[in-house]
Amino acid sequence: MLKYRILCVGKVKESFYRDQIQEYLDAIRKYHPIQIIEVDDEKTKEDLSEAERAKILDVEGDRILRVLAADHKDYIVPLCIDGKPYDTEKWSKRIRSLSETEEYEQITYIIGGSLGLSDKVIRRGNQSISYSRLTFPHQLIRVILLEQILICGQADQTGTAPYL
């Protein structure tokens, strides 16, 4: 059985996001082990220069890579706007095929901070995916990701994903 991990930059401050995240975590844990790991985000100002932006992404990227350093049986999936788009059914089939190979013990999704992810984190991934070409707050992406993990987890257990 695959385990899931979400590696995120920053904390969720809004209670309505935290409540929804907890609700999804409780539901997912009926099917699969899951954990969320948060690394500190860097303070950002409105009018960042490219050099300042690159420095922030680099620092946050190093924090992420330290968590990933010892993971050899993880399938690492950075979420980024330029990643490959999937619909729920195709991603569910992809997850099911990963679990059948037994090559991976865990899927680690990575969500960047307000500036996104550094290139070195994206390159570290096995496959980057995109949920949309639209920009969403990184706290909301956690909720969206958890909904998809729940659907895929239910599909993995029952052979059919709900809503499909």
C-alpha atoms as a PDB file:
ATOM      1  CA  MET A   1       0.000   0.000   0.000  1.00  0.00           C
ATOM      2  CA  LEU A   2       1.354   3.376  -0.987  1.00  0.00           C
ATOM      3  CA  LYS A   3       1.871   6.031   1.614  1.00  0.00           C
ATOM      4  CA  TYR A   4       1.346   9.687   0.827  1.00  0.00           C
ATOM      5  CA  ARG A   5       3.295  12.681   1.961  1.00  0.00           C
ATOM      6  CA  ILE A   6       2.796  16.344   1.178  1.00  0.00           C
ATOM      7  CA  LEU A   7       5.848  18.528   1.562  1.00  0.00           C
ATOM      8  CA  CYS A   8       4.905  22.209   1.698  1.00  0.00           C
ATOM      9  CA  VAL A   9       6.563  25.567   2.043  1.00  0.00           C
ATOM     10  CA  GLY A  10       4.921  27.636   4.779  1.00  0.00           C
ATOM     11  CA  LYS A  11       2.103  27.134   7.213  1.00  0.00           C
ATOM     12  CA  VAL A  12      -1.634  27.431   6.675  1.00  0.00           C
ATOM     13  CA  LYS A  13      -2.832  30.416   8.663  1.00  0.00           C
ATOM     14  CA  GLU A  14      -6.530  30.546   7.801  1.00  0.00           C
ATOM     15  CA  SER A  15      -8.733  28.338   9.978  1.00  0.00           C
ATOM     16  CA  PHE A  16     -11.160  27.512   7.145  1.00  0.00           C
ATOM     17  CA  TYR A  17      -8.273  25.950   5.163  1.00  0.00           C
ATOM     18  CA  ARG A  18      -6.936  24.142   8.241  1.00  0.00           C
ATOM     19  CA  ASP A  19     -10.382  22.709   8.999  1.00  0.00           C
ATOM     20  CA  GLN A  20     -10.853  21.463   5.437  1.00  0.00           C
ATOM     21  CA  ILE A  21      -7.340  20.002   5.363  1.00  0.00           C
ATOM     22  CA  GLN A  22      -8.001  18.091   8.590  1.00  0.00           C
ATOM     23  CA  GLU A  23     -11.302  16.767   7.253  1.00  0.00           C
ATOM     24  CA  TYR A  24      -9.570  15.406   4.151  1.00  0.00           C
ATOM     25  CA  LEU A  25      -6.690  13.941   6.162  1.00  0.00           C
ATOM     26  CA  ASP A  26      -9.154  12.055   8.357  1.00  0.00           C
ATOM     27  CA  ALA A  27     -10.940  10.657   5.290  1.00  0.00           C
ATOM     28  CA  ILE A  28      -7.730   9.699   3.467  1.00  0.00           C
ATOM     29  CA  ARG A  29      -6.360   7.879   6.514  1.00  0.00           C
ATOM     30  CA  LYS A  30      -9.184   5.349   6.097  1.00  0.00           C
ATOM     31  CA  TYR A  31      -7.417   4.209   2.909  1.00  0.00           C
ATOM     32  CA  HIS A  32      -3.748   5.222   3.134  1.00  0.00           C
ATOM     33  CA  PRO A  33      -1.175   6.595   5.557  1.00  0.00           C
ATOM     34  CA  ILE A  34      -0.572  10.293   4.894  1.00  0.00           C
ATOM     35  CA  GLN A  35       1.439  13.071   6.462  1.00  0.00           C
ATOM     36  CA  ILE A  36       2.086  16.732   5.807  1.00  0.00           C
ATOM     37  CA  ILE A  37       5.527  18.207   6.397  1.00  0.00           C
ATOM     38  CA  GLU A  38       5.951  21.973   6.387  1.00  0.00           C
ATOM     39  CA  VAL A  39       9.245  23.749   5.844  1.00  0.00           C
ATOM     40  CA  ASP A  40       9.661  27.418   6.709  1.00  0.00           C
ATOM     41  CA  ASP A  41       8.949  29.985   4.049  1.00  0.00           C
ATOM     42  CA  GLU A  42      10.993  33.125   3.516  1.00  0.00           C
ATOM     43  CA  LYS A  43       9.538  36.558   4.035  1.00  0.00           C
ATOM     44  CA  THR A  44       8.764  38.247   0.736  1.00  0.00           C
ATOM     45  CA  LYS A  45       8.004  41.805  -0.161  1.00  0.00           C
ATOM     46  CA  GLU A  46       5.843  43.053  -2.997  1.00  0.00           C
ATOM     47  CA  ASP A  47       8.453  44.384  -5.404  1.00  0.00           C
ATOM     48  CA  LEU A  48      11.141  41.701  -5.446  1.00  0.00           C
ATOM     49  CA  SER A  49      14.030  41.928  -7.856  1.00  0.00           C
ATOM     50  CA  GLU A  50      14.821  38.798  -9.883  1.00  0.00           C
ATOM     51  CA  ALA A  51      17.906  38.241  -7.720  1.00  0.00           C
ATOM     52  CA  GLU A  52      15.840  38.438  -4.507  1.00  0.00           C
ATOM     53  CA  ARG A  53      13.219  36.100  -5.958  1.00  0.00           C
ATOM     54  CA  ALA A  54      15.903  33.602  -7.012  1.00  0.00           C
ATOM     55  CA  LYS A  55      17.518  33.745  -3.564  1.00  0.00           C
ATOM     56  CA  ILE A  56      14.204  33.037  -1.808  1.00  0.00           C
ATOM     57  CA  LEU A  57      13.426  30.106  -4.118  1.00  0.00           C
ATOM     58  CA  ASP A  58      16.942  28.776  -3.552  1.00  0.00           C
ATOM     59  CA  VAL A  59      16.668  28.927   0.266  1.00  0.00           C
ATOM     60  CA  GLU A  60      13.213  27.327   0.285  1.00  0.00           C
ATOM     61  CA  GLY A  61      14.424  24.741  -2.242  1.00  0.00           C
ATOM     62  CA  ASP A  62      17.333  23.776   0.012  1.00  0.00           C
ATOM     63  CA  ARG A  63      14.896  23.206   2.884  1.00  0.00           C
ATOM     64  CA  ILE A  64      12.782  20.928   0.698  1.00  0.00           C
ATOM     65  CA  LEU A  65      15.790  19.002  -0.601  1.00  0.00           C
ATOM     66  CA  ARG A  66      17.024  18.358   2.955  1.00  0.00           C
ATOM     67  CA  VAL A  67      13.743  16.585   3.700  1.00  0.00           C
ATOM     68  CA  LEU A  68      14.014  14.577   0.474  1.00  0.00           C
ATOM     69  CA  ALA A  69      17.702  13.695   0.900  1.00  0.00           C
ATOM     70  CA  ALA A  70      17.254  10.205   2.328  1.00  0.00           C
ATOM     71  CA  ASP A  71      14.193   9.184   0.326  1.00  0.00           C
ATOM     72  CA  HIS A  72      15.019   6.495  -2.182  1.00  0.00           C
ATOM     73  CA  LYS A  73      11.667   4.749  -2.532  1.00  0.00           C
ATOM     74  CA  ASP A  74       9.651   7.946  -2.991  1.00  0.00           C
ATOM     75  CA  TYR A  75       7.939   8.925  -6.196  1.00  0.00           C
ATOM     76  CA  ILE A  76       8.391  12.690  -6.026  1.00  0.00           C
ATOM     77  CA  VAL A  77       5.781  14.928  -7.643  1.00  0.00           C
ATOM     78  CA  PRO A  78       6.367  18.688  -7.607  1.00  0.00           C
ATOM     79  CA  LEU A  79       3.214  20.682  -8.298  1.00  0.00           C
ATOM     80  CA  CYS A  80       3.948  23.529 -10.658  1.00  0.00           C
ATOM     81  CA  ILE A  81       2.131  25.510 -13.285  1.00  0.00           C
ATOM     82  CA  ASP A  82       4.370  24.156 -16.058  1.00  0.00           C
ATOM     83  CA  GLY A  83       3.905  20.521 -15.027  1.00  0.00           C
ATOM     84  CA  LYS A  84       1.988  17.941 -17.019  1.00  0.00           C
ATOM     85  CA  PRO A  85      -1.782  18.332 -16.692  1.00  0.00           C
ATOM     86  CA  TYR A  86      -3.817  15.271 -15.764  1.00  0.00           C
ATOM     87  CA  ASP A  87      -7.472  14.659 -15.278  1.00  0.00           C
ATOM     88  CA  THR A  88      -8.507  12.748 -12.158  1.00  0.00           C
ATOM     89  CA  GLU A  89      -9.119   9.460 -13.936  1.00  0.00           C
ATOM     90  CA  LYS A  90      -5.720   9.401 -15.663  1.00  0.00           C
ATOM     91  CA  TRP A  91      -3.871  10.412 -12.497  1.00  0.00           C
ATOM     92  CA  SER A  92      -5.740   7.751 -10.525  1.00  0.00           C
ATOM     93  CA  LYS A  93      -4.623   5.143 -13.074  1.00  0.00           C
ATOM     94  CA  ARG A  94      -1.055   6.457 -12.829  1.00  0.00           C
ATOM     95  CA  ILE A  95      -1.107   6.108  -9.034  1.00  0.00           C
ATOM     96  CA  ARG A  96      -2.549   2.613  -9.297  1.00  0.00           C
ATOM     97  CA  SER A  97       0.220   1.584 -11.714  1.00  0.00           C
ATOM     98  CA  LEU A  98       2.847   2.984  -9.318  1.00  0.00           C
ATOM     99  CA  SER A  99       1.410   0.978  -6.434  1.00  0.00           C
ATOM    100  CA  GLU A 100       1.379  -2.221  -8.486  1.00  0.00           C
ATOM    101  CA  THR A 101       5.080  -2.049  -9.340  1.00  0.00           C
ATOM    102  CA  GLU A 102       6.161  -1.973  -5.671  1.00  0.00           C
ATOM    103  CA  GLU A 103       9.132   0.125  -6.801  1.00  0.00           C
ATOM    104  CA  TYR A 104       7.881   3.002  -4.670  1.00  0.00           C
ATOM    105  CA  GLU A 105       6.692   2.993  -1.070  1.00  0.00           C
ATOM    106  CA  GLN A 106       5.499   6.567  -0.960  1.00  0.00           C
ATOM    107  CA  ILE A 107       4.352   9.395  -3.164  1.00  0.00           C
ATOM    108  CA  THR A 108       5.647  12.766  -2.060  1.00  0.00           C
ATOM    109  CA  TYR A 109       3.875  15.787  -3.474  1.00  0.00           C
ATOM    110  CA  ILE A 110       5.696  19.095  -3.183  1.00  0.00           C
ATOM    111  CA  ILE A 111       3.890  22.436  -2.947  1.00  0.00           C
ATOM    112  CA  GLY A 112       6.002  25.576  -3.105  1.00  0.00           C
ATOM    113  CA  GLY A 113       5.455  28.862  -1.372  1.00  0.00           C
ATOM    114  CA  SER A 114       4.008  32.041  -2.814  1.00  0.00           C
ATOM    115  CA  LEU A 115       6.817  32.252  -5.387  1.00  0.00           C
ATOM    116  CA  GLY A 116       6.587  28.628  -6.490  1.00  0.00           C
ATOM    117  CA  LEU A 117       9.389  26.058  -6.542  1.00  0.00           C
ATOM    118  CA  SER A 118      13.052  26.311  -7.428  1.00  0.00           C
ATOM    119  CA  ASP A 119      14.250  24.566 -10.566  1.00  0.00           C
ATOM    120  CA  LYS A 120      16.432  22.229  -8.496  1.00  0.00           C
ATOM    121  CA  VAL A 121      13.348  20.942  -6.642  1.00  0.00           C
ATOM    122  CA  ILE A 122      11.441  20.460  -9.887  1.00  0.00           C
ATOM    123  CA  ARG A 123      14.415  18.564 -11.378  1.00  0.00           C
ATOM    124  CA  ARG A 124      14.552  16.335  -8.266  1.00  0.00           C
ATOM    125  CA  GLY A 125      11.026  15.156  -8.960  1.00  0.00           C
ATOM    126  CA  ASN A 126      10.129  12.061 -10.916  1.00  0.00           C
ATOM    127  CA  GLN A 127       7.343  13.928 -12.626  1.00  0.00           C
ATOM    128  CA  SER A 128       5.914  17.417 -12.184  1.00  0.00           C
ATOM    129  CA  ILE A 129       2.195  17.929 -12.568  1.00  0.00           C
ATOM    130  CA  SER A 130      -0.096  20.912 -12.852  1.00  0.00           C
ATOM    131  CA  TYR A 131      -3.628  21.181 -11.559  1.00  0.00           C
ATOM    132  CA  SER A 132      -4.317  24.245 -13.621  1.00  0.00           C
ATOM    133  CA  ARG A 133      -2.745  27.006 -15.648  1.00  0.00           C
ATOM    134  CA  LEU A 134      -4.451  29.328 -13.184  1.00  0.00           C
ATOM    135  CA  THR A 135      -2.656  30.621 -10.097  1.00  0.00           C
ATOM    136  CA  PHE A 136      -4.068  29.529  -6.732  1.00  0.00           C
ATOM    137  CA  PRO A 137      -2.973  30.340  -3.186  1.00  0.00           C
ATOM    138  CA  HIS A 138      -0.650  27.570  -2.022  1.00  0.00           C
ATOM    139  CA  GLN A 139      -2.969  26.927   0.955  1.00  0.00           C
ATOM    140  CA  LEU A 140      -5.875  26.222  -1.406  1.00  0.00           C
ATOM    141  CA  ILE A 141      -3.712  23.898  -3.493  1.00  0.00           C
ATOM    142  CA  ARG A 142      -3.279  21.736  -0.384  1.00  0.00           C
ATOM    143  CA  VAL A 143      -7.048  21.331  -0.186  1.00  0.00           C
ATOM    144  CA  ILE A 144      -7.325  20.571  -3.915  1.00  0.00           C
ATOM    145  CA  LEU A 145      -4.465  18.067  -3.715  1.00  0.00           C
ATOM    146  CA  LEU A 146      -6.026  16.323  -0.724  1.00  0.00           C
ATOM    147  CA  GLU A 147      -9.324  15.976  -2.596  1.00  0.00           C
ATOM    148  CA  GLN A 148      -7.470  14.264  -5.438  1.00  0.00           C
ATOM    149  CA  ILE A 149      -5.537  11.991  -3.076  1.00  0.00           C
ATOM    150  CA  LEU A 150      -8.830  10.977  -1.455  1.00  0.00           C
ATOM    151  CA  ILE A 151     -10.399  10.145  -4.807  1.00  0.00           C
ATOM    152  CA  CYS A 152      -7.319   8.210  -5.956  1.00  0.00           C
ATOM    153  CA  GLY A 153      -7.087   6.403  -2.613  1.00  0.00           C
ATOM    154  CA  GLN A 154     -10.700   5.318  -2.815  1.00  0.00           C
ATOM    155  CA  ALA A 155     -10.156   4.175  -6.386  1.00  0.00           C
ATOM    156  CA  ASP A 156      -7.096   2.190  -5.344  1.00  0.00           C
ATOM    157  CA  GLN A 157      -9.128   0.367  -2.685  1.00  0.00           C
ATOM    158  CA  THR A 158     -12.326  -0.179  -4.663  1.00  0.00           C
ATOM    159  CA  GLY A 159     -11.090  -0.281  -8.249  1.00  0.00           C
ATOM    160  CA  THR A 160     -13.302   2.666  -9.155  1.00  0.00           C
ATOM    161  CA  ALA A 161     -12.862   6.308  -8.302  1.00  0.00           C
ATOM    162  CA  PRO A 162     -15.974   8.102  -7.064  1.00  0.00           C
ATOM    163  CA  TYR A 163     -17.214  10.919  -9.283  1.00  0.00           C
ATOM    164  CA  LEU A 164     -15.775   9.252 -12.402  1.00  0.00           C
END
